Amino acid sequence: MHINLPEKRYYGIGEVAEAFKVNTSLIRFWEKEFDVIKPKKNAKGNRKFTPEDIKNLELIYHLVKERGFTLEGAKTHLKEEKQKTLTNFEIIRKLESVKAELVNLKNQL
C-alpha cells in the first residue's frame, strides 16, 4: 500500500486513518504499542502526526498488514533491523511507484 498524503508539517489522526484505510482506534493502538510513533498533541489533546510518524506508520503497516508479522515480531524486527528494513521498504516503495508509472504509460499507448 502506498500512502498519498499532501505534504504538510502535521496530519490529524482522521487524515492518517483515512490514508491507511484503517480506523483511528488502530492508529491510537499502534501509537501505544510502538515507541517510534510520537505524535504531538495540541492544547485540546488532538494528535498531530509528523511526516516522520507517517513513515514509521507505513513501515509498521507494511510489517503487520502486508508481511503478516505479529505485533511482537514487528517490534523486535524494528529494534534489531530497523535501518535494513527501512532501506528495503523504501526500495520496494520506489519500485512499486516506477511499476505503476510504467503500467500507466503502457495503458496510454
N, C-alpha and C. Protein backbone atom coordinates (compact mmCIF):
# COMPACT_ATOMS: atom_id res chain seq x y z
N MET A 1 0.84 -1.17 0.00
CA MET A 1 0.00 0.00 0.00
C MET A 1 0.89 1.24 0.00
N HIS A 2 0.57 2.15 -0.89
CA HIS A 2 1.32 3.41 -0.94
C HIS A 2 0.41 4.51 -0.39
N ILE A 3 0.93 5.26 0.56
CA ILE A 3 0.16 6.30 1.23
C ILE A 3 0.35 7.62 0.48
N ASN A 4 -0.77 8.21 0.09
CA ASN A 4 -0.72 9.51 -0.58
C ASN A 4 -1.34 10.56 0.33
N LEU A 5 -0.48 11.33 0.95
CA LEU A 5 -0.92 12.45 1.78
C LEU A 5 -0.29 13.72 1.23
N PRO A 6 -1.01 14.83 1.25
CA PRO A 6 -0.38 16.07 0.83
C PRO A 6 0.78 16.40 1.76
N GLU A 7 1.79 17.08 1.24
CA GLU A 7 2.95 17.39 2.06
C GLU A 7 2.59 18.49 3.05
N LYS A 8 2.64 18.14 4.33
CA LYS A 8 2.33 19.08 5.41
C LYS A 8 3.28 18.81 6.58
N ARG A 9 3.30 19.76 7.51
CA ARG A 9 4.12 19.55 8.71
C ARG A 9 3.45 18.60 9.69
N TYR A 10 2.11 18.66 9.77
CA TYR A 10 1.36 17.83 10.71
C TYR A 10 0.08 17.31 10.05
N TYR A 11 -0.31 16.12 10.49
CA TYR A 11 -1.53 15.50 9.99
C TYR A 11 -2.40 15.10 11.17
N GLY A 12 -3.70 15.29 11.05
CA GLY A 12 -4.64 14.86 12.08
C GLY A 12 -4.83 13.35 12.00
N ILE A 13 -5.32 12.78 13.08
CA ILE A 13 -5.49 11.33 13.14
C ILE A 13 -6.51 10.85 12.11
N GLY A 14 -7.53 11.66 11.83
CA GLY A 14 -8.52 11.28 10.82
C GLY A 14 -7.90 11.17 9.43
N GLU A 15 -7.04 12.13 9.09
CA GLU A 15 -6.34 12.10 7.81
C GLU A 15 -5.47 10.86 7.70
N VAL A 16 -4.77 10.56 8.78
CA VAL A 16 -3.85 9.42 8.80
C VAL A 16 -4.64 8.11 8.65
N ALA A 17 -5.70 7.97 9.43
CA ALA A 17 -6.51 6.75 9.36
C ALA A 17 -7.11 6.57 7.97
N GLU A 18 -7.59 7.65 7.39
CA GLU A 18 -8.17 7.57 6.05
C GLU A 18 -7.11 7.18 5.02
N ALA A 19 -5.92 7.74 5.12
CA ALA A 19 -4.85 7.41 4.18
C ALA A 19 -4.47 5.93 4.25
N PHE A 20 -4.50 5.36 5.46
CA PHE A 20 -4.16 3.94 5.63
C PHE A 20 -5.37 3.02 5.48
N LYS A 21 -6.55 3.63 5.35
CA LYS A 21 -7.80 2.87 5.26
C LYS A 21 -8.00 1.97 6.48
N VAL A 22 -7.78 2.57 7.67
CA VAL A 22 -7.98 1.87 8.94
C VAL A 22 -8.77 2.79 9.88
N ASN A 23 -9.22 2.25 10.99
CA ASN A 23 -9.90 3.06 12.00
C ASN A 23 -8.90 3.87 12.80
N THR A 24 -9.35 5.01 13.32
CA THR A 24 -8.49 5.83 14.16
C THR A 24 -8.05 5.06 15.40
N SER A 25 -8.89 4.13 15.86
CA SER A 25 -8.52 3.34 17.05
C SER A 25 -7.27 2.51 16.80
N LEU A 26 -7.07 2.02 15.57
CA LEU A 26 -5.87 1.24 15.27
C LEU A 26 -4.64 2.15 15.30
N ILE A 27 -4.77 3.36 14.81
CA ILE A 27 -3.65 4.31 14.85
C ILE A 27 -3.28 4.61 16.31
N ARG A 28 -4.29 4.84 17.15
CA ARG A 28 -4.03 5.10 18.58
C ARG A 28 -3.39 3.87 19.23
N PHE A 29 -3.86 2.68 18.87
CA PHE A 29 -3.31 1.45 19.43
C PHE A 29 -1.84 1.30 19.04
N TRP A 30 -1.53 1.49 17.76
CA TRP A 30 -0.14 1.40 17.32
C TRP A 30 0.72 2.45 18.00
N GLU A 31 0.16 3.62 18.26
CA GLU A 31 0.90 4.66 18.97
C GLU A 31 1.33 4.17 20.34
N LYS A 32 0.43 3.47 21.03
CA LYS A 32 0.74 2.93 22.36
C LYS A 32 1.76 1.79 22.28
N GLU A 33 1.63 0.97 21.26
CA GLU A 33 2.46 -0.23 21.13
C GLU A 33 3.87 0.03 20.62
N PHE A 34 4.02 1.02 19.74
CA PHE A 34 5.31 1.27 19.10
C PHE A 34 5.84 2.63 19.52
N ASP A 35 6.97 2.63 20.20
CA ASP A 35 7.51 3.89 20.71
C ASP A 35 8.10 4.79 19.64
N VAL A 36 8.19 4.33 18.40
CA VAL A 36 8.69 5.20 17.32
C VAL A 36 7.62 6.18 16.84
N ILE A 37 6.37 5.95 17.24
CA ILE A 37 5.28 6.86 16.86
C ILE A 37 5.03 7.80 18.03
N LYS A 38 5.36 9.06 17.80
CA LYS A 38 5.24 10.05 18.88
C LYS A 38 4.57 11.31 18.37
N PRO A 39 3.26 11.26 18.14
CA PRO A 39 2.60 12.47 17.64
C PRO A 39 2.59 13.57 18.71
N LYS A 40 2.63 14.79 18.24
CA LYS A 40 2.49 15.93 19.15
C LYS A 40 1.01 16.05 19.48
N LYS A 41 0.72 16.66 20.60
CA LYS A 41 -0.69 16.90 20.95
C LYS A 41 -0.88 18.39 21.17
N ASN A 42 -1.98 18.91 20.62
CA ASN A 42 -2.26 20.33 20.82
C ASN A 42 -2.95 20.54 22.16
N ALA A 43 -3.35 21.77 22.44
CA ALA A 43 -3.96 22.09 23.74
C ALA A 43 -5.22 21.27 24.02
N LYS A 44 -5.94 20.91 22.97
CA LYS A 44 -7.16 20.10 23.14
C LYS A 44 -6.85 18.61 23.27
N GLY A 45 -5.59 18.25 23.06
CA GLY A 45 -5.21 16.84 23.15
C GLY A 45 -5.30 16.11 21.82
N ASN A 46 -5.57 16.84 20.73
CA ASN A 46 -5.64 16.22 19.41
C ASN A 46 -4.23 15.85 18.94
N ARG A 47 -4.11 14.66 18.39
CA ARG A 47 -2.82 14.20 17.90
C ARG A 47 -2.48 14.88 16.58
N LYS A 48 -1.21 15.25 16.44
CA LYS A 48 -0.69 15.83 15.21
C LYS A 48 0.53 15.02 14.81
N PHE A 49 0.38 14.24 13.75
CA PHE A 49 1.43 13.34 13.29
C PHE A 49 2.35 14.06 12.32
N THR A 50 3.65 13.84 12.49
CA THR A 50 4.66 14.44 11.62
C THR A 50 4.91 13.51 10.43
N PRO A 51 5.57 14.01 9.39
CA PRO A 51 5.94 13.12 8.28
C PRO A 51 6.78 11.93 8.75
N GLU A 52 7.61 12.12 9.77
CA GLU A 52 8.39 11.01 10.33
C GLU A 52 7.47 9.96 10.95
N ASP A 53 6.42 10.41 11.66
CA ASP A 53 5.44 9.47 12.21
C ASP A 53 4.77 8.68 11.09
N ILE A 54 4.44 9.37 10.00
CA ILE A 54 3.78 8.71 8.87
C ILE A 54 4.69 7.65 8.28
N LYS A 55 5.96 7.97 8.13
CA LYS A 55 6.93 7.00 7.61
C LYS A 55 7.00 5.77 8.51
N ASN A 56 7.03 5.99 9.83
CA ASN A 56 7.05 4.87 10.78
C ASN A 56 5.75 4.07 10.72
N LEU A 57 4.62 4.75 10.59
CA LEU A 57 3.35 4.05 10.47
C LEU A 57 3.31 3.21 9.19
N GLU A 58 3.86 3.74 8.10
CA GLU A 58 3.93 2.98 6.86
C GLU A 58 4.74 1.71 7.04
N LEU A 59 5.85 1.83 7.74
CA LEU A 59 6.70 0.67 7.99
C LEU A 59 5.99 -0.36 8.87
N ILE A 60 5.32 0.11 9.91
CA ILE A 60 4.56 -0.80 10.78
C ILE A 60 3.44 -1.47 9.99
N TYR A 61 2.72 -0.68 9.19
CA TYR A 61 1.64 -1.22 8.36
C TYR A 61 2.20 -2.31 7.44
N HIS A 62 3.33 -2.02 6.82
CA HIS A 62 3.97 -2.98 5.92
C HIS A 62 4.29 -4.29 6.65
N LEU A 63 4.91 -4.17 7.82
CA LEU A 63 5.29 -5.37 8.56
C LEU A 63 4.08 -6.17 9.04
N VAL A 64 3.10 -5.47 9.62
CA VAL A 64 1.97 -6.14 10.24
C VAL A 64 0.91 -6.57 9.22
N LYS A 65 0.51 -5.66 8.37
CA LYS A 65 -0.61 -5.95 7.46
C LYS A 65 -0.18 -6.63 6.16
N GLU A 66 0.98 -6.27 5.63
CA GLU A 66 1.40 -6.82 4.34
C GLU A 66 2.29 -8.05 4.49
N ARG A 67 3.14 -8.06 5.50
CA ARG A 67 4.06 -9.20 5.67
C ARG A 67 3.58 -10.18 6.73
N GLY A 68 2.54 -9.83 7.49
CA GLY A 68 1.95 -10.76 8.43
C GLY A 68 2.68 -10.92 9.75
N PHE A 69 3.51 -9.95 10.13
CA PHE A 69 4.20 -10.01 11.41
C PHE A 69 3.20 -9.86 12.55
N THR A 70 3.47 -10.51 13.68
CA THR A 70 2.72 -10.22 14.89
C THR A 70 3.23 -8.87 15.41
N LEU A 71 2.51 -8.27 16.36
CA LEU A 71 2.98 -7.00 16.92
C LEU A 71 4.34 -7.18 17.58
N GLU A 72 4.50 -8.26 18.33
CA GLU A 72 5.79 -8.51 19.00
C GLU A 72 6.89 -8.74 17.97
N GLY A 73 6.56 -9.47 16.91
CA GLY A 73 7.54 -9.72 15.86
C GLY A 73 7.95 -8.42 15.17
N ALA A 74 6.98 -7.55 14.92
CA ALA A 74 7.27 -6.26 14.29
C ALA A 74 8.13 -5.40 15.21
N LYS A 75 7.81 -5.39 16.50
CA LYS A 75 8.61 -4.61 17.46
C LYS A 75 10.06 -5.09 17.47
N THR A 76 10.23 -6.40 17.54
CA THR A 76 11.58 -6.97 17.57
C THR A 76 12.31 -6.64 16.28
N HIS A 77 11.62 -6.82 15.17
CA HIS A 77 12.23 -6.55 13.87
C HIS A 77 12.66 -5.09 13.77
N LEU A 78 11.82 -4.18 14.24
CA LEU A 78 12.16 -2.76 14.19
C LEU A 78 13.37 -2.44 15.08
N LYS A 79 13.42 -3.06 16.24
CA LYS A 79 14.54 -2.79 17.16
C LYS A 79 15.85 -3.33 16.60
N GLU A 80 15.80 -4.54 16.07
CA GLU A 80 17.03 -5.22 15.66
C GLU A 80 17.49 -4.84 14.26
N GLU A 81 16.54 -4.58 13.36
CA GLU A 81 16.92 -4.38 11.97
C GLU A 81 16.22 -3.19 11.33
N LYS A 82 15.99 -2.13 12.12
CA LYS A 82 15.20 -1.01 11.59
C LYS A 82 15.81 -0.39 10.34
N GLN A 83 17.10 -0.11 10.34
CA GLN A 83 17.70 0.57 9.19
C GLN A 83 17.64 -0.31 7.94
N LYS A 84 17.95 -1.59 8.09
CA LYS A 84 17.90 -2.50 6.95
C LYS A 84 16.47 -2.62 6.44
N THR A 85 15.52 -2.78 7.35
CA THR A 85 14.12 -2.90 6.97
C THR A 85 13.64 -1.62 6.30
N LEU A 86 14.02 -0.48 6.85
CA LEU A 86 13.61 0.80 6.28
C LEU A 86 14.18 0.97 4.88
N THR A 87 15.44 0.62 4.68
CA THR A 87 16.06 0.73 3.36
C THR A 87 15.35 -0.18 2.36
N ASN A 88 15.10 -1.43 2.74
CA ASN A 88 14.39 -2.36 1.86
C ASN A 88 12.99 -1.87 1.56
N PHE A 89 12.31 -1.36 2.57
CA PHE A 89 10.95 -0.86 2.43
C PHE A 89 10.93 0.31 1.45
N GLU A 90 11.88 1.23 1.57
CA GLU A 90 11.94 2.38 0.66
C GLU A 90 12.22 1.94 -0.77
N ILE A 91 13.07 0.95 -0.95
CA ILE A 91 13.36 0.42 -2.29
C ILE A 91 12.10 -0.20 -2.88
N ILE A 92 11.39 -0.98 -2.08
CA ILE A 92 10.15 -1.62 -2.55
C ILE A 92 9.14 -0.56 -2.97
N ARG A 93 8.97 0.48 -2.16
CA ARG A 93 8.01 1.54 -2.47
C ARG A 93 8.39 2.28 -3.76
N LYS A 94 9.68 2.54 -3.95
CA LYS A 94 10.12 3.22 -5.18
C LYS A 94 9.87 2.34 -6.39
N LEU A 95 10.16 1.05 -6.27
CA LEU A 95 9.92 0.13 -7.38
C LEU A 95 8.43 0.02 -7.70
N GLU A 96 7.58 0.00 -6.67
CA GLU A 96 6.14 -0.03 -6.89
C GLU A 96 5.68 1.22 -7.62
N SER A 97 6.26 2.35 -7.25
CA SER A 97 5.92 3.61 -7.90
C SER A 97 6.33 3.61 -9.37
N VAL A 98 7.54 3.12 -9.65
CA VAL A 98 8.02 3.02 -11.03
C VAL A 98 7.12 2.07 -11.82
N LYS A 99 6.77 0.94 -11.23
CA LYS A 99 5.90 -0.03 -11.90
C LYS A 99 4.55 0.60 -12.23
N ALA A 100 3.96 1.32 -11.28
CA ALA A 100 2.67 1.97 -11.51
C ALA A 100 2.76 2.98 -12.65
N GLU A 101 3.85 3.73 -12.69
CA GLU A 101 4.06 4.71 -13.75
C GLU A 101 4.20 4.02 -15.10
N LEU A 102 4.95 2.91 -15.14
CA LEU A 102 5.12 2.16 -16.39
C LEU A 102 3.79 1.57 -16.87
N VAL A 103 3.01 1.04 -15.96
CA VAL A 103 1.69 0.48 -16.32
C VAL A 103 0.82 1.61 -16.86
N ASN A 104 0.87 2.76 -16.22
CA ASN A 104 0.10 3.91 -16.68
C ASN A 104 0.50 4.30 -18.11
N LEU A 105 1.82 4.36 -18.35
CA LEU A 105 2.31 4.68 -19.70
C LEU A 105 1.86 3.63 -20.72
N LYS A 106 1.95 2.35 -20.35
CA LYS A 106 1.53 1.27 -21.23
C LYS A 106 0.07 1.41 -21.59
N ASN A 107 -0.75 1.74 -20.61
CA ASN A 107 -2.19 1.88 -20.85
C ASN A 107 -2.52 3.06 -21.75
N GLN A 108 -1.63 4.02 -21.82
CA GLN A 108 -1.86 5.19 -22.67
C GLN A 108 -1.46 4.94 -24.12
N LEU A 109 -0.76 3.84 -24.38
CA LEU A 109 -0.33 3.53 -25.75
C LEU A 109 -1.46 3.01 -26.59
